[in-house]
Amino acid sequence: MGKHALKTCVVKTFSIMETQHNLSQVLRVVQSGQKVGITRRKQLIAHLVPIQESVELPDFVGRALARR
């Protein structure tokens, strides 16, 4: 994918400093289903995207207790 293709899929961008100071707001945007771009010196460096499906994590505690 070229640079332009990546930029067109981002709905909103935040600088690194904005992300650090407003992480809850940034995560609310992502949780609402929007893609977020993170920029450094006005250059897009990362994407935050919502999870498409829920992931079930292993029950490590249950497995550890079962071994006793």
N, C-alpha and C. Protein backbone atom coordinates (compact mmCIF):
# COMPACT_ATOMS: atom_id res chain seq x y z
N MET A 1 0.83 -1.17 0.00
CA MET A 1 0.00 0.00 0.00
C MET A 1 0.88 1.24 0.00
N GLY A 2 0.53 2.21 -0.78
CA GLY A 2 1.29 3.46 -0.82
C GLY A 2 0.87 4.38 0.31
N LYS A 3 1.62 5.45 0.47
CA LYS A 3 1.32 6.42 1.53
C LYS A 3 -0.08 6.99 1.40
N HIS A 4 -0.49 7.29 0.20
CA HIS A 4 -1.80 7.91 -0.01
C HIS A 4 -2.94 6.97 0.36
N ALA A 5 -2.77 5.70 0.11
CA ALA A 5 -3.81 4.73 0.46
C ALA A 5 -3.99 4.65 1.97
N LEU A 6 -2.90 4.74 2.72
CA LEU A 6 -2.99 4.69 4.17
C LEU A 6 -3.69 5.93 4.72
N LYS A 7 -3.39 7.09 4.17
CA LYS A 7 -3.96 8.32 4.68
C LYS A 7 -5.46 8.42 4.43
N THR A 8 -5.96 7.83 3.37
CA THR A 8 -7.37 7.97 3.05
C THR A 8 -8.25 7.15 3.98
N CYS A 9 -7.72 6.13 4.63
CA CYS A 9 -8.55 5.30 5.49
C CYS A 9 -8.62 5.83 6.92
N VAL A 10 -7.86 6.86 7.24
CA VAL A 10 -7.85 7.42 8.59
C VAL A 10 -8.94 8.47 8.70
N VAL A 11 -9.77 8.35 9.72
CA VAL A 11 -10.86 9.30 9.92
C VAL A 11 -10.37 10.53 10.68
N LYS A 12 -9.55 10.34 11.70
CA LYS A 12 -9.07 11.45 12.52
C LYS A 12 -7.61 11.19 12.87
N THR A 13 -6.83 12.26 13.00
CA THR A 13 -5.44 12.10 13.38
C THR A 13 -5.16 12.86 14.67
N PHE A 14 -4.21 12.33 15.43
CA PHE A 14 -3.73 12.95 16.66
C PHE A 14 -2.21 12.92 16.63
N SER A 15 -1.58 13.97 17.13
CA SER A 15 -0.13 13.95 17.27
C SER A 15 0.21 13.04 18.45
N ILE A 16 1.47 12.70 18.57
CA ILE A 16 1.90 11.87 19.70
C ILE A 16 1.56 12.57 21.02
N MET A 17 1.83 13.87 21.10
CA MET A 17 1.57 14.62 22.33
C MET A 17 0.07 14.65 22.64
N GLU A 18 -0.76 14.87 21.63
CA GLU A 18 -2.22 14.86 21.84
C GLU A 18 -2.67 13.49 22.32
N THR A 19 -2.10 12.45 21.75
CA THR A 19 -2.47 11.09 22.14
C THR A 19 -2.09 10.82 23.60
N GLN A 20 -0.90 11.26 23.98
CA GLN A 20 -0.46 11.06 25.36
C GLN A 20 -1.35 11.80 26.35
N HIS A 21 -1.74 13.00 26.01
CA HIS A 21 -2.53 13.83 26.93
C HIS A 21 -4.02 13.51 26.89
N ASN A 22 -4.50 12.88 25.83
CA ASN A 22 -5.93 12.63 25.66
C ASN A 22 -6.21 11.18 25.27
N LEU A 23 -5.50 10.25 25.88
CA LEU A 23 -5.62 8.85 25.48
C LEU A 23 -7.06 8.35 25.60
N SER A 24 -7.76 8.73 26.64
CA SER A 24 -9.15 8.27 26.79
C SER A 24 -10.01 8.72 25.62
N GLN A 25 -9.84 9.96 25.19
CA GLN A 25 -10.61 10.49 24.06
C GLN A 25 -10.25 9.74 22.78
N VAL A 26 -8.97 9.51 22.56
CA VAL A 26 -8.53 8.79 21.36
C VAL A 26 -9.12 7.39 21.35
N LEU A 27 -9.10 6.71 22.49
CA LEU A 27 -9.64 5.35 22.55
C LEU A 27 -11.15 5.33 22.37
N ARG A 28 -11.85 6.37 22.83
CA ARG A 28 -13.30 6.45 22.59
C ARG A 28 -13.59 6.56 21.09
N VAL A 29 -12.77 7.32 20.38
CA VAL A 29 -12.94 7.45 18.93
C VAL A 29 -12.75 6.09 18.27
N VAL A 30 -11.71 5.36 18.67
CA VAL A 30 -11.44 4.04 18.10
C VAL A 30 -12.56 3.07 18.47
N GLN A 31 -12.99 3.11 19.73
CA GLN A 31 -14.05 2.20 20.18
C GLN A 31 -15.36 2.44 19.44
N SER A 32 -15.57 3.67 18.97
CA SER A 32 -16.79 3.97 18.22
C SER A 32 -16.74 3.41 16.79
N GLY A 33 -15.60 2.82 16.42
CA GLY A 33 -15.49 2.18 15.11
C GLY A 33 -14.66 2.95 14.10
N GLN A 34 -14.10 4.09 14.51
CA GLN A 34 -13.32 4.90 13.58
C GLN A 34 -11.85 4.54 13.65
N LYS A 35 -11.16 4.73 12.53
CA LYS A 35 -9.72 4.54 12.48
C LYS A 35 -9.05 5.86 12.84
N VAL A 36 -7.97 5.77 13.62
CA VAL A 36 -7.25 6.96 14.07
C VAL A 36 -5.81 6.86 13.60
N GLY A 37 -5.27 7.97 13.14
CA GLY A 37 -3.86 8.04 12.76
C GLY A 37 -3.08 8.77 13.83
N ILE A 38 -1.86 8.32 14.09
CA ILE A 38 -0.97 8.98 15.03
C ILE A 38 0.14 9.62 14.20
N THR A 39 0.42 10.89 14.46
CA THR A 39 1.42 11.61 13.67
C THR A 39 2.59 12.06 14.53
N ARG A 40 3.74 12.15 13.89
CA ARG A 40 4.93 12.75 14.48
C ARG A 40 5.41 13.78 13.48
N ARG A 41 5.48 15.02 13.91
CA ARG A 41 5.88 16.13 13.04
C ARG A 41 5.07 16.15 11.75
N LYS A 42 3.77 15.97 11.90
CA LYS A 42 2.79 16.02 10.81
C LYS A 42 2.91 14.87 9.81
N GLN A 43 3.69 13.84 10.16
CA GLN A 43 3.81 12.67 9.29
C GLN A 43 3.14 11.48 9.96
N LEU A 44 2.26 10.82 9.24
CA LEU A 44 1.54 9.67 9.77
C LEU A 44 2.51 8.53 10.06
N ILE A 45 2.50 8.05 11.31
CA ILE A 45 3.44 6.99 11.68
C ILE A 45 2.76 5.72 12.17
N ALA A 46 1.47 5.82 12.56
CA ALA A 46 0.79 4.63 13.09
C ALA A 46 -0.72 4.77 12.93
N HIS A 47 -1.40 3.63 12.98
CA HIS A 47 -2.85 3.58 12.96
C HIS A 47 -3.34 2.87 14.21
N LEU A 48 -4.44 3.35 14.75
CA LEU A 48 -5.18 2.62 15.77
C LEU A 48 -6.51 2.26 15.13
N VAL A 49 -6.82 0.98 15.12
CA VAL A 49 -8.05 0.53 14.47
C VAL A 49 -8.85 -0.31 15.45
N PRO A 50 -10.18 -0.26 15.36
CA PRO A 50 -10.99 -1.08 16.26
C PRO A 50 -10.83 -2.56 15.96
N ILE A 51 -10.99 -3.37 16.97
CA ILE A 51 -10.94 -4.82 16.80
C ILE A 51 -12.20 -5.25 16.05
N GLN A 52 -12.03 -6.07 15.05
CA GLN A 52 -13.16 -6.50 14.22
C GLN A 52 -14.03 -7.54 14.92
N GLU A 53 -13.43 -8.39 15.71
CA GLU A 53 -14.18 -9.42 16.42
C GLU A 53 -13.59 -9.57 17.81
N SER A 54 -14.40 -10.01 18.73
CA SER A 54 -13.89 -10.18 20.09
C SER A 54 -12.97 -11.39 20.15
N VAL A 55 -11.95 -11.26 20.94
CA VAL A 55 -10.96 -12.32 21.09
C VAL A 55 -11.10 -12.88 22.50
N GLU A 56 -11.26 -14.19 22.60
CA GLU A 56 -11.36 -14.81 23.92
C GLU A 56 -9.96 -15.18 24.39
N LEU A 57 -9.60 -14.64 25.55
CA LEU A 57 -8.28 -14.91 26.11
C LEU A 57 -8.31 -16.22 26.89
N PRO A 58 -7.20 -16.94 26.92
CA PRO A 58 -7.15 -18.19 27.69
C PRO A 58 -7.35 -17.91 29.18
N ASP A 59 -7.92 -18.87 29.88
CA ASP A 59 -8.13 -18.75 31.32
C ASP A 59 -6.90 -19.30 32.03
N PHE A 60 -5.88 -18.45 32.16
CA PHE A 60 -4.62 -18.89 32.76
C PHE A 60 -4.79 -19.23 34.24
N VAL A 61 -5.58 -18.45 34.96
CA VAL A 61 -5.78 -18.70 36.38
C VAL A 61 -6.49 -20.03 36.58
N GLY A 62 -7.54 -20.25 35.82
CA GLY A 62 -8.29 -21.51 35.92
C GLY A 62 -7.41 -22.71 35.61
N ARG A 63 -6.58 -22.58 34.60
CA ARG A 63 -5.69 -23.69 34.24
C ARG A 63 -4.65 -23.94 35.32
N ALA A 64 -4.16 -22.87 35.93
CA ALA A 64 -3.16 -23.01 36.99
C ALA A 64 -3.77 -23.67 38.22
N LEU A 65 -5.00 -23.28 38.56
CA LEU A 65 -5.67 -23.87 39.70
C LEU A 65 -6.02 -25.34 39.45
N ALA A 66 -6.32 -25.69 38.22
CA ALA A 66 -6.68 -27.06 37.88
C ALA A 66 -5.48 -28.00 38.02
N ARG A 67 -4.28 -27.47 37.92
CA ARG A 67 -3.07 -28.31 38.02
C ARG A 67 -2.75 -28.68 39.46
N ARG A 68 -3.32 -27.99 40.42
CA ARG A 68 -3.00 -28.25 41.84
C ARG A 68 -3.51 -29.57 42.32
